[in-house]
Amino acid sequence: MEITTKEYSVKYDAQTATIHWQGAMRLSDKEYEPIKQLLNKVAALELPQITLDLRKLQALNSSGITTLGKFILSLNDKKTTQLLIQASKKIAWQKRSVVNFKRLMRRHLQVEWE
């Protein structure tokens, strides 16, 4: 599963159960729909662990943060999946927002900082 444009890409690697994000995402809520569908498909797999690799995602607007938050909440509701978020302290939005994701999924979420 993959969504790629000139500005960003979101790719799911089934072998590593990793969703790789990169580029800059400043989309409207409606434009996040294909990404929401990708995330929902991954959540439906009910894997033991999923990794969100955000280290190359330079920008994410509030609609994107909301999209990620809803994905995290959906995993929390299932209580079957551990989530690892790989983030970069060099990217301002990640320093501010990734910490808040931990509040959404306290027991099953781990953050790995670069």
C-alpha atoms as a PDB file:
ATOM      1  CA  MET A   1       0.000   0.000   0.000  1.00  0.00           C
ATOM      2  CA  GLU A   2       1.439   3.325  -1.030  1.00  0.00           C
ATOM      3  CA  ILE A   3       0.388   6.928  -1.618  1.00  0.00           C
ATOM      4  CA  THR A   4       2.940   9.122  -3.369  1.00  0.00           C
ATOM      5  CA  THR A   5       2.802  12.699  -4.672  1.00  0.00           C
ATOM      6  CA  LYS A   6       5.440  15.333  -5.418  1.00  0.00           C
ATOM      7  CA  GLU A   7       5.115  16.724  -1.873  1.00  0.00           C
ATOM      8  CA  TYR A   8       4.841  13.586   0.276  1.00  0.00           C
ATOM      9  CA  SER A   9       4.635   9.808   0.451  1.00  0.00           C
ATOM     10  CA  VAL A  10       3.056   7.332   2.847  1.00  0.00           C
ATOM     11  CA  LYS A  11       4.165   3.735   2.278  1.00  0.00           C
ATOM     12  CA  TYR A  12       3.278   0.593   4.179  1.00  0.00           C
ATOM     13  CA  ASP A  13       5.987  -2.091   4.250  1.00  0.00           C
ATOM     14  CA  ALA A  14       4.254  -5.391   5.087  1.00  0.00           C
ATOM     15  CA  GLN A  15       7.526  -7.216   5.796  1.00  0.00           C
ATOM     16  CA  THR A  16       8.435  -4.874   8.642  1.00  0.00           C
ATOM     17  CA  ALA A  17       4.894  -3.699   9.512  1.00  0.00           C
ATOM     18  CA  THR A  18       6.160  -0.135   9.112  1.00  0.00           C
ATOM     19  CA  ILE A  19       4.362   2.887   7.707  1.00  0.00           C
ATOM     20  CA  HIS A  20       7.001   5.256   6.315  1.00  0.00           C
ATOM     21  CA  TRP A  21       6.059   8.933   6.025  1.00  0.00           C
ATOM     22  CA  GLN A  22       8.105  11.601   4.264  1.00  0.00           C
ATOM     23  CA  GLY A  23       7.863  15.063   2.793  1.00  0.00           C
ATOM     24  CA  ALA A  24       5.454  17.820   3.786  1.00  0.00           C
ATOM     25  CA  MET A  25       1.745  17.243   4.308  1.00  0.00           C
ATOM     26  CA  ARG A  26      -0.397  20.358   4.444  1.00  0.00           C
ATOM     27  CA  LEU A  27      -3.655  18.898   3.190  1.00  0.00           C
ATOM     28  CA  SER A  28      -7.312  19.594   3.864  1.00  0.00           C
ATOM     29  CA  ASP A  29      -9.242  17.072   5.919  1.00  0.00           C
ATOM     30  CA  LYS A  30     -10.840  15.693   2.744  1.00  0.00           C
ATOM     31  CA  GLU A  31      -7.431  15.243   1.092  1.00  0.00           C
ATOM     32  CA  TYR A  32      -6.346  12.980   3.974  1.00  0.00           C
ATOM     33  CA  GLU A  33      -9.061  10.446   3.060  1.00  0.00           C
ATOM     34  CA  PRO A  34      -6.769   8.084   1.053  1.00  0.00           C
ATOM     35  CA  ILE A  35      -4.274   8.137   3.938  1.00  0.00           C
ATOM     36  CA  LYS A  36      -7.056   7.386   6.431  1.00  0.00           C
ATOM     37  CA  GLN A  37      -8.062   4.413   4.277  1.00  0.00           C
ATOM     38  CA  LEU A  38      -4.480   3.123   4.222  1.00  0.00           C
ATOM     39  CA  LEU A  39      -4.227   3.485   8.007  1.00  0.00           C
ATOM     40  CA  ASN A  40      -7.576   1.736   8.526  1.00  0.00           C
ATOM     41  CA  LYS A  41      -6.445  -1.190   6.349  1.00  0.00           C
ATOM     42  CA  VAL A  42      -3.278  -1.536   8.413  1.00  0.00           C
ATOM     43  CA  ALA A  43      -5.224  -1.302  11.691  1.00  0.00           C
ATOM     44  CA  ALA A  44      -7.633  -4.001  10.457  1.00  0.00           C
ATOM     45  CA  LEU A  45      -4.709  -6.432  10.140  1.00  0.00           C
ATOM     46  CA  GLU A  46      -4.508  -6.495  13.962  1.00  0.00           C
ATOM     47  CA  LEU A  47      -0.751  -7.003  13.895  1.00  0.00           C
ATOM     48  CA  PRO A  48       1.195  -7.514  17.125  1.00  0.00           C
ATOM     49  CA  GLN A  49       3.271  -4.383  16.358  1.00  0.00           C
ATOM     50  CA  ILE A  50       3.117  -1.493  13.905  1.00  0.00           C
ATOM     51  CA  THR A  51       5.837   1.099  13.422  1.00  0.00           C
ATOM     52  CA  LEU A  52       5.135   4.663  12.289  1.00  0.00           C
ATOM     53  CA  ASP A  53       8.362   6.065  10.877  1.00  0.00           C
ATOM     54  CA  LEU A  54       7.873   9.837  10.904  1.00  0.00           C
ATOM     55  CA  ARG A  55      11.571  10.802  10.860  1.00  0.00           C
ATOM     56  CA  LYS A  56      11.448  12.126   7.267  1.00  0.00           C
ATOM     57  CA  LEU A  57       8.104  13.908   7.604  1.00  0.00           C
ATOM     58  CA  GLN A  58       9.117  17.557   7.721  1.00  0.00           C
ATOM     59  CA  ALA A  59       5.651  19.101   8.058  1.00  0.00           C
ATOM     60  CA  LEU A  60       2.224  17.914   9.160  1.00  0.00           C
ATOM     61  CA  ASN A  61      -0.729  20.234   9.666  1.00  0.00           C
ATOM     62  CA  SER A  62      -3.479  19.922  12.257  1.00  0.00           C
ATOM     63  CA  SER A  63      -5.666  17.788   9.965  1.00  0.00           C
ATOM     64  CA  GLY A  64      -2.781  15.361   9.602  1.00  0.00           C
ATOM     65  CA  ILE A  65      -2.156  15.277  13.339  1.00  0.00           C
ATOM     66  CA  THR A  66      -5.855  14.571  13.865  1.00  0.00           C
ATOM     67  CA  THR A  67      -5.656  11.747  11.299  1.00  0.00           C
ATOM     68  CA  LEU A  68      -2.732  10.187  13.168  1.00  0.00           C
ATOM     69  CA  GLY A  69      -4.490  10.655  16.502  1.00  0.00           C
ATOM     70  CA  LYS A  70      -7.598   8.836  15.277  1.00  0.00           C
ATOM     71  CA  PHE A  71      -5.440   5.992  13.968  1.00  0.00           C
ATOM     72  CA  ILE A  72      -3.730   5.692  17.351  1.00  0.00           C
ATOM     73  CA  LEU A  73      -7.089   5.703  19.142  1.00  0.00           C
ATOM     74  CA  SER A  74      -8.362   2.950  16.835  1.00  0.00           C
ATOM     75  CA  LEU A  75      -5.373   0.792  17.796  1.00  0.00           C
ATOM     76  CA  ASN A  76      -5.912   1.584  21.466  1.00  0.00           C
ATOM     77  CA  ASP A  77      -9.519   0.406  21.227  1.00  0.00           C
ATOM     78  CA  LYS A  78      -8.396  -2.974  19.857  1.00  0.00           C
ATOM     79  CA  LYS A  79      -5.779  -3.498  22.597  1.00  0.00           C
ATOM     80  CA  THR A  80      -3.987  -6.054  20.408  1.00  0.00           C
ATOM     81  CA  THR A  81      -1.324  -3.932  18.739  1.00  0.00           C
ATOM     82  CA  GLN A  82       1.824  -2.344  20.115  1.00  0.00           C
ATOM     83  CA  LEU A  83       2.734   0.902  18.345  1.00  0.00           C
ATOM     84  CA  LEU A  84       6.267   2.203  17.897  1.00  0.00           C
ATOM     85  CA  ILE A  85       6.662   5.770  16.660  1.00  0.00           C
ATOM     86  CA  GLN A  86      10.054   6.703  15.264  1.00  0.00           C
ATOM     87  CA  ALA A  87      10.406  10.484  15.440  1.00  0.00           C
ATOM     88  CA  SER A  88      13.025  13.194  15.106  1.00  0.00           C
ATOM     89  CA  LYS A  89      13.737  15.830  17.745  1.00  0.00           C
ATOM     90  CA  LYS A  90      15.115  17.991  14.912  1.00  0.00           C
ATOM     91  CA  ILE A  91      11.626  18.510  13.480  1.00  0.00           C
ATOM     92  CA  ALA A  92       9.575  21.039  15.473  1.00  0.00           C
ATOM     93  CA  TRP A  93       6.075  19.607  14.922  1.00  0.00           C
ATOM     94  CA  GLN A  94       7.268  16.176  16.038  1.00  0.00           C
ATOM     95  CA  LYS A  95       8.803  17.502  19.270  1.00  0.00           C
ATOM     96  CA  ARG A  96       5.461  19.141  20.133  1.00  0.00           C
ATOM     97  CA  SER A  97       2.945  16.578  18.909  1.00  0.00           C
ATOM     98  CA  VAL A  98       4.435  13.109  19.295  1.00  0.00           C
ATOM     99  CA  VAL A  99       4.479  13.497  23.081  1.00  0.00           C
ATOM    100  CA  ASN A 100       0.701  14.037  22.963  1.00  0.00           C
ATOM    101  CA  PHE A 101       0.212  10.796  21.009  1.00  0.00           C
ATOM    102  CA  LYS A 102       1.590   8.957  24.024  1.00  0.00           C
ATOM    103  CA  ARG A 103      -1.401  10.226  26.021  1.00  0.00           C
ATOM    104  CA  LEU A 104      -3.768   8.543  23.562  1.00  0.00           C
ATOM    105  CA  MET A 105      -2.241   5.095  23.965  1.00  0.00           C
ATOM    106  CA  ARG A 106      -0.325   4.922  27.231  1.00  0.00           C
ATOM    107  CA  ARG A 107       0.384   1.213  27.611  1.00  0.00           C
ATOM    108  CA  HIS A 108       0.936   0.126  24.037  1.00  0.00           C
ATOM    109  CA  LEU A 109       2.849   3.049  22.531  1.00  0.00           C
ATOM    110  CA  GLN A 110       6.594   3.539  22.528  1.00  0.00           C
ATOM    111  CA  VAL A 111       8.447   6.512  21.045  1.00  0.00           C
ATOM    112  CA  GLU A 112      11.955   6.164  19.659  1.00  0.00           C
ATOM    113  CA  TRP A 113      13.670   9.533  19.175  1.00  0.00           C
ATOM    114  CA  GLU A 114      16.396  10.219  16.647  1.00  0.00           C
END
